[in-house]
Amino acid sequence: MDDNWQDNPKLAGIDKNKLDMLQQMAQQGAGKSPSDLLPFIMNAASQGRNAGLNFNSNEINTIIEVLKMGKSPRERAKLDKVVNLMKMMK
């Protein structure tokens, strides 16, 4: 993942600690298949909540939009698949 995604102006209103956690998570999750990503993301979300980092739906949607920028259609579809799986788990 491009480390510059955090500098996107659309993310200006999101807490730096949240963005740092996401960067760490992205590095650890790099190369995982969508089916492997789901439990990884669920665990990371739980750890984030335990650390007091809660994301509202607007923050989540903005982050996903930024992460999709510059990705191939296949990579975007993978992200969409993971997001849809996450929504079904709620």
PDB file of N, CA and C in Angstrom:
ATOM      1  N   MET A   1       0.848  -1.178   0.000  1.00  0.00           N
ATOM      2  CA  MET A   1       0.000   0.000   0.000  1.00  0.00           C
ATOM      3  C   MET A   1       0.884   1.228   0.000  1.00  0.00           C
ATOM      4  N   ASP A   2       0.495   2.237  -0.744  1.00  0.00           N
ATOM      5  CA  ASP A   2       1.208   3.498  -0.805  1.00  0.00           C
ATOM      6  C   ASP A   2       1.083   4.210   0.540  1.00  0.00           C
ATOM      7  N   ASP A   3       2.211   4.545   1.150  1.00  0.00           N
ATOM      8  CA  ASP A   3       2.200   5.206   2.456  1.00  0.00           C
ATOM      9  C   ASP A   3       1.612   6.608   2.390  1.00  0.00           C
ATOM     10  N   ASN A   4       1.506   7.197   1.204  1.00  0.00           N
ATOM     11  CA  ASN A   4       1.002   8.561   1.065  1.00  0.00           C
ATOM     12  C   ASN A   4      -0.512   8.663   1.170  1.00  0.00           C
ATOM     13  N   TRP A   5      -1.218   7.552   1.273  1.00  0.00           N
ATOM     14  CA  TRP A   5      -2.674   7.602   1.350  1.00  0.00           C
ATOM     15  C   TRP A   5      -3.118   8.414   2.550  1.00  0.00           C
ATOM     16  N   GLN A   6      -2.318   8.421   3.624  1.00  0.00           N
ATOM     17  CA  GLN A   6      -2.689   9.156   4.835  1.00  0.00           C
ATOM     18  C   GLN A   6      -2.688  10.663   4.613  1.00  0.00           C
ATOM     19  N   ASP A   7      -1.983  11.128   3.591  1.00  0.00           N
ATOM     20  CA  ASP A   7      -1.894  12.561   3.312  1.00  0.00           C
ATOM     21  C   ASP A   7      -3.050  13.071   2.464  1.00  0.00           C
ATOM     22  N   ASN A   8      -3.958  12.195   2.077  1.00  0.00           N
ATOM     23  CA  ASN A   8      -5.092  12.601   1.248  1.00  0.00           C
ATOM     24  C   ASN A   8      -5.932  13.613   2.009  1.00  0.00           C
ATOM     25  N   PRO A   9      -6.245  14.757   1.384  1.00  0.00           N
ATOM     26  CA  PRO A   9      -7.021  15.808   2.068  1.00  0.00           C
ATOM     27  C   PRO A   9      -8.394  15.347   2.557  1.00  0.00           C
ATOM     28  N   LYS A  10      -8.949  14.323   1.944  1.00  0.00           N
ATOM     29  CA  LYS A  10     -10.258  13.823   2.380  1.00  0.00           C
ATOM     30  C   LYS A  10     -10.200  13.246   3.793  1.00  0.00           C
ATOM     31  N   LEU A  11      -8.999  12.886   4.234  1.00  0.00           N
ATOM     32  CA  LEU A  11      -8.832  12.279   5.554  1.00  0.00           C
ATOM     33  C   LEU A  11      -8.464  13.304   6.629  1.00  0.00           C
ATOM     34  N   ALA A  12      -8.468  14.569   6.273  1.00  0.00           N
ATOM     35  CA  ALA A  12      -8.001  15.623   7.184  1.00  0.00           C
ATOM     36  C   ALA A  12      -8.735  15.640   8.524  1.00  0.00           C
ATOM     37  N   GLY A  13      -9.996  15.253   8.562  1.00  0.00           N
ATOM     38  CA  GLY A  13     -10.761  15.307   9.801  1.00  0.00           C
ATOM     39  C   GLY A  13     -10.651  14.060  10.671  1.00  0.00           C
ATOM     40  N   ILE A  14      -9.881  13.075  10.230  1.00  0.00           N
ATOM     41  CA  ILE A  14      -9.782  11.820  10.984  1.00  0.00           C
ATOM     42  C   ILE A  14      -8.538  11.859  11.874  1.00  0.00           C
ATOM     43  N   ASP A  15      -8.715  11.439  13.104  1.00  0.00           N
ATOM     44  CA  ASP A  15      -7.653  11.443  14.098  1.00  0.00           C
ATOM     45  C   ASP A  15      -6.400  10.726  13.591  1.00  0.00           C
ATOM     46  N   LYS A  16      -5.245  11.318  13.840  1.00  0.00           N
ATOM     47  CA  LYS A  16      -3.965  10.757  13.394  1.00  0.00           C
ATOM     48  C   LYS A  16      -3.724   9.368  13.992  1.00  0.00           C
ATOM     49  N   ASN A  17      -4.127   9.147  15.228  1.00  0.00           N
ATOM     50  CA  ASN A  17      -3.945   7.826  15.849  1.00  0.00           C
ATOM     51  C   ASN A  17      -4.716   6.749  15.102  1.00  0.00           C
ATOM     52  N   LYS A  18      -5.906   7.091  14.624  1.00  0.00           N
ATOM     53  CA  LYS A  18      -6.703   6.138  13.848  1.00  0.00           C
ATOM     54  C   LYS A  18      -6.006   5.819  12.524  1.00  0.00           C
ATOM     55  N   LEU A  19      -5.481   6.854  11.874  1.00  0.00           N
ATOM     56  CA  LEU A  19      -4.806   6.641  10.597  1.00  0.00           C
ATOM     57  C   LEU A  19      -3.518   5.829  10.782  1.00  0.00           C
ATOM     58  N   ASP A  20      -2.809   6.078  11.875  1.00  0.00           N
ATOM     59  CA  ASP A  20      -1.600   5.297  12.153  1.00  0.00           C
ATOM     60  C   ASP A  20      -1.937   3.829  12.375  1.00  0.00           C
ATOM     61  N   MET A  21      -3.025   3.568  13.118  1.00  0.00           N
ATOM     62  CA  MET A  21      -3.445   2.193  13.345  1.00  0.00           C
ATOM     63  C   MET A  21      -3.795   1.522  12.022  1.00  0.00           C
ATOM     64  N   LEU A  22      -4.483   2.252  11.150  1.00  0.00           N
ATOM     65  CA  LEU A  22      -4.851   1.701   9.844  1.00  0.00           C
ATOM     66  C   LEU A  22      -3.615   1.393   9.005  1.00  0.00           C
ATOM     67  N   GLN A  23      -2.607   2.262   9.070  1.00  0.00           N
ATOM     68  CA  GLN A  23      -1.372   2.021   8.314  1.00  0.00           C
ATOM     69  C   GLN A  23      -0.691   0.755   8.798  1.00  0.00           C
ATOM     70  N   GLN A  24      -0.620   0.561  10.107  1.00  0.00           N
ATOM     71  CA  GLN A  24      -0.026  -0.655  10.655  1.00  0.00           C
ATOM     72  C   GLN A  24      -0.822  -1.881  10.219  1.00  0.00           C
ATOM     73  N   MET A  25      -2.118  -1.772  10.276  1.00  0.00           N
ATOM     74  CA  MET A  25      -2.987  -2.869   9.890  1.00  0.00           C
ATOM     75  C   MET A  25      -2.799  -3.197   8.404  1.00  0.00           C
ATOM     76  N   ALA A  26      -2.695  -2.160   7.573  1.00  0.00           N
ATOM     77  CA  ALA A  26      -2.514  -2.364   6.137  1.00  0.00           C
ATOM     78  C   ALA A  26      -1.198  -3.077   5.849  1.00  0.00           C
ATOM     79  N   GLN A  27      -0.143  -2.705   6.563  1.00  0.00           N
ATOM     80  CA  GLN A  27       1.148  -3.353   6.353  1.00  0.00           C
ATOM     81  C   GLN A  27       1.094  -4.823   6.776  1.00  0.00           C
ATOM     82  N   GLN A  28       0.446  -5.093   7.888  1.00  0.00           N
ATOM     83  CA  GLN A  28       0.348  -6.467   8.381  1.00  0.00           C
ATOM     84  C   GLN A  28      -0.567  -7.322   7.505  1.00  0.00           C
ATOM     85  N   GLY A  29      -1.566  -6.698   6.890  1.00  0.00           N
ATOM     86  CA  GLY A  29      -2.522  -7.440   6.087  1.00  0.00           C
ATOM     87  C   GLY A  29      -2.167  -7.549   4.622  1.00  0.00           C
ATOM     88  N   ALA A  30      -1.061  -6.929   4.227  1.00  0.00           N
ATOM     89  CA  ALA A  30      -0.665  -6.936   2.815  1.00  0.00           C
ATOM     90  C   ALA A  30      -0.483  -8.361   2.318  1.00  0.00           C
ATOM     91  N   GLY A  31      -1.067  -8.642   1.162  1.00  0.00           N
ATOM     92  CA  GLY A  31      -0.907  -9.946   0.536  1.00  0.00           C
ATOM     93  C   GLY A  31      -1.892 -11.009   0.994  1.00  0.00           C
ATOM     94  N   LYS A  32      -2.736 -10.682   1.964  1.00  0.00           N
ATOM     95  CA  LYS A  32      -3.718 -11.661   2.438  1.00  0.00           C
ATOM     96  C   LYS A  32      -4.880 -11.728   1.446  1.00  0.00           C
ATOM     97  N   SER A  33      -5.453 -12.906   1.307  1.00  0.00           N
ATOM     98  CA  SER A  33      -6.627 -13.071   0.446  1.00  0.00           C
ATOM     99  C   SER A  33      -7.835 -12.479   1.161  1.00  0.00           C
ATOM    100  N   PRO A  34      -8.915 -12.167   0.422  1.00  0.00           N
ATOM    101  CA  PRO A  34     -10.111 -11.632   1.075  1.00  0.00           C
ATOM    102  C   PRO A  34     -10.627 -12.523   2.203  1.00  0.00           C
ATOM    103  N   SER A  35     -10.546 -13.834   2.025  1.00  0.00           N
ATOM    104  CA  SER A  35     -11.039 -14.720   3.089  1.00  0.00           C
ATOM    105  C   SER A  35     -10.125 -14.678   4.314  1.00  0.00           C
ATOM    106  N   ASP A  36      -8.846 -14.437   4.119  1.00  0.00           N
ATOM    107  CA  ASP A  36      -7.920 -14.296   5.243  1.00  0.00           C
ATOM    108  C   ASP A  36      -8.018 -12.911   5.875  1.00  0.00           C
ATOM    109  N   LEU A  37      -8.400 -11.930   5.070  1.00  0.00           N
ATOM    110  CA  LEU A  37      -8.499 -10.563   5.577  1.00  0.00           C
ATOM    111  C   LEU A  37      -9.639 -10.379   6.567  1.00  0.00           C
ATOM    112  N   LEU A  38     -10.724 -11.067   6.364  1.00  0.00           N
ATOM    113  CA  LEU A  38     -11.892 -10.859   7.217  1.00  0.00           C
ATOM    114  C   LEU A  38     -11.575 -11.121   8.686  1.00  0.00           C
ATOM    115  N   PRO A  39     -11.049 -12.284   9.064  1.00  0.00           N
ATOM    116  CA  PRO A  39     -10.738 -12.479  10.481  1.00  0.00           C
ATOM    117  C   PRO A  39      -9.647 -11.527  10.971  1.00  0.00           C
ATOM    118  N   PHE A  40      -8.702 -11.202  10.088  1.00  0.00           N
ATOM    119  CA  PHE A  40      -7.641 -10.270  10.447  1.00  0.00           C
ATOM    120  C   PHE A  40      -8.227  -8.897  10.784  1.00  0.00           C
ATOM    121  N   ILE A  41      -9.143  -8.408   9.936  1.00  0.00           N
ATOM    122  CA  ILE A  41      -9.757  -7.097  10.150  1.00  0.00           C
ATOM    123  C   ILE A  41     -10.644  -7.110  11.389  1.00  0.00           C
ATOM    124  N   MET A  42     -11.373  -8.195  11.585  1.00  0.00           N
ATOM    125  CA  MET A  42     -12.236  -8.285  12.768  1.00  0.00           C
ATOM    126  C   MET A  42     -11.391  -8.210  14.044  1.00  0.00           C
ATOM    127  N   ASN A  43     -10.263  -8.895  14.060  1.00  0.00           N
ATOM    128  CA  ASN A  43      -9.370  -8.862  15.208  1.00  0.00           C
ATOM    129  C   ASN A  43      -8.784  -7.463  15.398  1.00  0.00           C
ATOM    130  N   ALA A  44      -8.372  -6.838  14.308  1.00  0.00           N
ATOM    131  CA  ALA A  44      -7.812  -5.494  14.388  1.00  0.00           C
ATOM    132  C   ALA A  44      -8.853  -4.494  14.877  1.00  0.00           C
ATOM    133  N   ALA A  45     -10.091  -4.641  14.424  1.00  0.00           N
ATOM    134  CA  ALA A  45     -11.169  -3.744  14.866  1.00  0.00           C
ATOM    135  C   ALA A  45     -11.403  -3.905  16.362  1.00  0.00           C
ATOM    136  N   SER A  46     -11.357  -5.124  16.833  1.00  0.00           N
ATOM    137  CA  SER A  46     -11.529  -5.385  18.263  1.00  0.00           C
ATOM    138  C   SER A  46     -10.394  -4.747  19.066  1.00  0.00           C
ATOM    139  N   GLN A  47      -9.179  -4.890  18.581  1.00  0.00           N
ATOM    140  CA  GLN A  47      -8.035  -4.272  19.257  1.00  0.00           C
ATOM    141  C   GLN A  47      -8.157  -2.751  19.253  1.00  0.00           C
ATOM    142  N   GLY A  48      -8.623  -2.201  18.145  1.00  0.00           N
ATOM    143  CA  GLY A  48      -8.814  -0.751  18.056  1.00  0.00           C
ATOM    144  C   GLY A  48      -9.847  -0.263  19.055  1.00  0.00           C
ATOM    145  N   ARG A  49     -10.950  -0.990  19.157  1.00  0.00           N
ATOM    146  CA  ARG A  49     -11.993  -0.616  20.127  1.00  0.00           C
ATOM    147  C   ARG A  49     -11.442  -0.669  21.543  1.00  0.00           C
ATOM    148  N   ASN A  50     -10.664  -1.709  21.831  1.00  0.00           N
ATOM    149  CA  ASN A  50     -10.070  -1.841  23.158  1.00  0.00           C
ATOM    150  C   ASN A  50      -9.107  -0.700  23.460  1.00  0.00           C
ATOM    151  N   ALA A  51      -8.499  -0.144  22.415  1.00  0.00           N
ATOM    152  CA  ALA A  51      -7.584   0.989  22.582  1.00  0.00           C
ATOM    153  C   ALA A  51      -8.323   2.325  22.535  1.00  0.00           C
ATOM    154  N   GLY A  52      -9.658   2.277  22.410  1.00  0.00           N
ATOM    155  CA  GLY A  52     -10.450   3.499  22.387  1.00  0.00           C
ATOM    156  C   GLY A  52     -10.556   4.159  21.024  1.00  0.00           C
ATOM    157  N   LEU A  53     -10.227   3.423  19.966  1.00  0.00           N
ATOM    158  CA  LEU A  53     -10.308   3.967  18.605  1.00  0.00           C
ATOM    159  C   LEU A  53     -11.560   3.438  17.922  1.00  0.00           C
ATOM    160  N   ASN A  54     -12.591   4.246  17.922  1.00  0.00           N
ATOM    161  CA  ASN A  54     -13.855   3.870  17.283  1.00  0.00           C
ATOM    162  C   ASN A  54     -14.060   4.739  16.052  1.00  0.00           C
ATOM    163  N   PHE A  55     -14.376   4.097  14.937  1.00  0.00           N
ATOM    164  CA  PHE A  55     -14.588   4.791  13.677  1.00  0.00           C
ATOM    165  C   PHE A  55     -16.084   4.922  13.419  1.00  0.00           C
ATOM    166  N   ASN A  56     -16.508   6.142  13.045  1.00  0.00           N
ATOM    167  CA  ASN A  56     -17.913   6.289  12.668  1.00  0.00           C
ATOM    168  C   ASN A  56     -18.062   5.907  11.197  1.00  0.00           C
ATOM    169  N   SER A  57     -19.306   5.778  10.744  1.00  0.00           N
ATOM    170  CA  SER A  57     -19.544   5.293   9.377  1.00  0.00           C
ATOM    171  C   SER A  57     -18.982   6.251   8.327  1.00  0.00           C
ATOM    172  N   ASN A  58     -19.020   7.562   8.576  1.00  0.00           N
ATOM    173  CA  ASN A  58     -18.451   8.513   7.615  1.00  0.00           C
ATOM    174  C   ASN A  58     -16.942   8.329   7.496  1.00  0.00           C
ATOM    175  N   GLU A  59     -16.261   8.103   8.626  1.00  0.00           N
ATOM    176  CA  GLU A  59     -14.812   7.875   8.591  1.00  0.00           C
ATOM    177  C   GLU A  59     -14.498   6.610   7.815  1.00  0.00           C
ATOM    178  N   ILE A  60     -15.242   5.570   8.061  1.00  0.00           N
ATOM    179  CA  ILE A  60     -15.010   4.294   7.377  1.00  0.00           C
ATOM    180  C   ILE A  60     -15.214   4.442   5.876  1.00  0.00           C
ATOM    181  N   ASN A  61     -16.303   5.078   5.477  1.00  0.00           N
ATOM    182  CA  ASN A  61     -16.579   5.262   4.048  1.00  0.00           C
ATOM    183  C   ASN A  61     -15.505   6.105   3.371  1.00  0.00           C
ATOM    184  N   THR A  62     -15.042   7.150   4.047  1.00  0.00           N
ATOM    185  CA  THR A  62     -13.993   8.007   3.484  1.00  0.00           C
ATOM    186  C   THR A  62     -12.695   7.235   3.334  1.00  0.00           C
ATOM    187  N   ILE A  63     -12.335   6.466   4.341  1.00  0.00           N
ATOM    188  CA  ILE A  63     -11.101   5.679   4.288  1.00  0.00           C
ATOM    189  C   ILE A  63     -11.156   4.672   3.144  1.00  0.00           C
ATOM    190  N   ILE A  64     -12.271   4.003   3.002  1.00  0.00           N
ATOM    191  CA  ILE A  64     -12.421   3.019   1.922  1.00  0.00           C
ATOM    192  C   ILE A  64     -12.307   3.704   0.567  1.00  0.00           C
ATOM    193  N   GLU A  65     -12.944   4.857   0.421  1.00  0.00           N
ATOM    194  CA  GLU A  65     -12.882   5.612  -0.838  1.00  0.00           C
ATOM    195  C   GLU A  65     -11.433   5.981  -1.173  1.00  0.00           C
ATOM    196  N   VAL A  66     -10.689   6.448  -0.180  1.00  0.00           N
ATOM    197  CA  VAL A  66      -9.296   6.832  -0.401  1.00  0.00           C
ATOM    198  C   VAL A  66      -8.444   5.617  -0.733  1.00  0.00           C
ATOM    199  N   LEU A  67      -8.683   4.514  -0.047  1.00  0.00           N
ATOM    200  CA  LEU A  67      -7.897   3.302  -0.302  1.00  0.00           C
ATOM    201  C   LEU A  67      -8.115   2.761  -1.715  1.00  0.00           C
ATOM    202  N   LYS A  68      -9.279   3.013  -2.287  1.00  0.00           N
ATOM    203  CA  LYS A  68      -9.583   2.525  -3.636  1.00  0.00           C
ATOM    204  C   LYS A  68      -8.917   3.358  -4.725  1.00  0.00           C
ATOM    205  N   MET A  69      -8.525   4.580  -4.400  1.00  0.00           N
ATOM    206  CA  MET A  69      -7.931   5.466  -5.404  1.00  0.00           C
ATOM    207  C   MET A  69      -6.660   4.850  -5.976  1.00  0.00           C
ATOM    208  N   GLY A  70      -6.581   4.837  -7.291  1.00  0.00           N
ATOM    209  CA  GLY A  70      -5.392   4.338  -7.957  1.00  0.00           C
ATOM    210  C   GLY A  70      -5.272   2.829  -8.006  1.00  0.00           C
ATOM    211  N   LYS A  71      -6.267   2.120  -7.518  1.00  0.00           N
ATOM    212  CA  LYS A  71      -6.236   0.661  -7.535  1.00  0.00           C
ATOM    213  C   LYS A  71      -6.828   0.146  -8.841  1.00  0.00           C
ATOM    214  N   SER A  72      -6.419  -1.034  -9.203  1.00  0.00           N
ATOM    215  CA  SER A  72      -6.969  -1.666 -10.398  1.00  0.00           C
ATOM    216  C   SER A  72      -8.412  -2.093 -10.110  1.00  0.00           C
ATOM    217  N   PRO A  73      -9.192  -2.333 -11.155  1.00  0.00           N
ATOM    218  CA  PRO A  73     -10.561  -2.819 -10.931  1.00  0.00           C
ATOM    219  C   PRO A  73     -10.590  -4.098 -10.086  1.00  0.00           C
ATOM    220  N   ARG A  74      -9.610  -4.961 -10.267  1.00  0.00           N
ATOM    221  CA  ARG A  74      -9.556  -6.202  -9.492  1.00  0.00           C
ATOM    222  C   ARG A  74      -9.310  -5.905  -8.005  1.00  0.00           C
ATOM    223  N   GLU A  75      -8.386  -4.988  -7.728  1.00  0.00           N
ATOM    224  CA  GLU A  75      -8.100  -4.634  -6.342  1.00  0.00           C
ATOM    225  C   GLU A  75      -9.292  -3.936  -5.690  1.00  0.00           C
ATOM    226  N   ARG A  76      -9.964  -3.089  -6.466  1.00  0.00           N
ATOM    227  CA  ARG A  76     -11.159  -2.405  -5.952  1.00  0.00           C
ATOM    228  C   ARG A  76     -12.259  -3.416  -5.631  1.00  0.00           C
ATOM    229  N   ALA A  77     -12.405  -4.411  -6.507  1.00  0.00           N
ATOM    230  CA  ALA A  77     -13.412  -5.448  -6.283  1.00  0.00           C
ATOM    231  C   ALA A  77     -13.086  -6.255  -5.028  1.00  0.00           C
ATOM    232  N   LYS A  78     -11.807  -6.515  -4.790  1.00  0.00           N
ATOM    233  CA  LYS A  78     -11.383  -7.226  -3.586  1.00  0.00           C
ATOM    234  C   LYS A  78     -11.755  -6.424  -2.335  1.00  0.00           C
ATOM    235  N   LEU A  79     -11.474  -5.129  -2.377  1.00  0.00           N
ATOM    236  CA  LEU A  79     -11.833  -4.265  -1.244  1.00  0.00           C
ATOM    237  C   LEU A  79     -13.340  -4.269  -1.025  1.00  0.00           C
ATOM    238  N   ASP A  80     -14.103  -4.178  -2.095  1.00  0.00           N
ATOM    239  CA  ASP A  80     -15.564  -4.204  -1.987  1.00  0.00           C
ATOM    240  C   ASP A  80     -16.040  -5.519  -1.365  1.00  0.00           C
ATOM    241  N   LYS A  81     -15.411  -6.611  -1.756  1.00  0.00           N
ATOM    242  CA  LYS A  81     -15.797  -7.916  -1.223  1.00  0.00           C
ATOM    243  C   LYS A  81     -15.562  -7.977   0.285  1.00  0.00           C
ATOM    244  N   VAL A  82     -14.410  -7.500   0.721  1.00  0.00           N
ATOM    245  CA  VAL A  82     -14.099  -7.490   2.153  1.00  0.00           C
ATOM    246  C   VAL A  82     -15.071  -6.586   2.905  1.00  0.00           C
ATOM    247  N   VAL A  83     -15.360  -5.415   2.358  1.00  0.00           N
ATOM    248  CA  VAL A  83     -16.292  -4.484   2.997  1.00  0.00           C
ATOM    249  C   VAL A  83     -17.674  -5.114   3.121  1.00  0.00           C
ATOM    250  N   ASN A  84     -18.138  -5.762   2.065  1.00  0.00           N
ATOM    251  CA  ASN A  84     -19.452  -6.404   2.103  1.00  0.00           C
ATOM    252  C   ASN A  84     -19.489  -7.535   3.130  1.00  0.00           C
ATOM    253  N   LEU A  85     -18.402  -8.287   3.224  1.00  0.00           N
ATOM    254  CA  LEU A  85     -18.327  -9.340   4.223  1.00  0.00           C
ATOM    255  C   LEU A  85     -18.379  -8.744   5.628  1.00  0.00           C
ATOM    256  N   MET A  86     -17.698  -7.636   5.813  1.00  0.00           N
ATOM    257  CA  MET A  86     -17.699  -6.970   7.120  1.00  0.00           C
ATOM    258  C   MET A  86     -19.120  -6.509   7.485  1.00  0.00           C
ATOM    259  N   LYS A  87     -19.823  -5.955   6.513  1.00  0.00           N
ATOM    260  CA  LYS A  87     -21.195  -5.489   6.773  1.00  0.00           C
ATOM    261  C   LYS A  87     -22.115  -6.641   7.153  1.00  0.00           C
ATOM    262  N   MET A  88     -21.890  -7.791   6.527  1.00  0.00           N
ATOM    263  CA  MET A  88     -22.726  -8.950   6.833  1.00  0.00           C
ATOM    264  C   MET A  88     -22.444  -9.483   8.245  1.00  0.00           C
ATOM    265  N   MET A  89     -21.247  -9.245   8.746  1.00  0.00           N
ATOM    266  CA  MET A  89     -20.865  -9.736  10.068  1.00  0.00           C
ATOM    267  C   MET A  89     -21.457  -8.907  11.202  1.00  0.00           C
ATOM    268  N   LYS A  90     -21.884  -7.699  10.909  1.00  0.00           N
ATOM    269  CA  LYS A  90     -22.403  -6.814  11.955  1.00  0.00           C
ATOM    270  C   LYS A  90     -23.718  -7.292  12.486  1.00  0.00           C
TER     271      LYS A  90
END
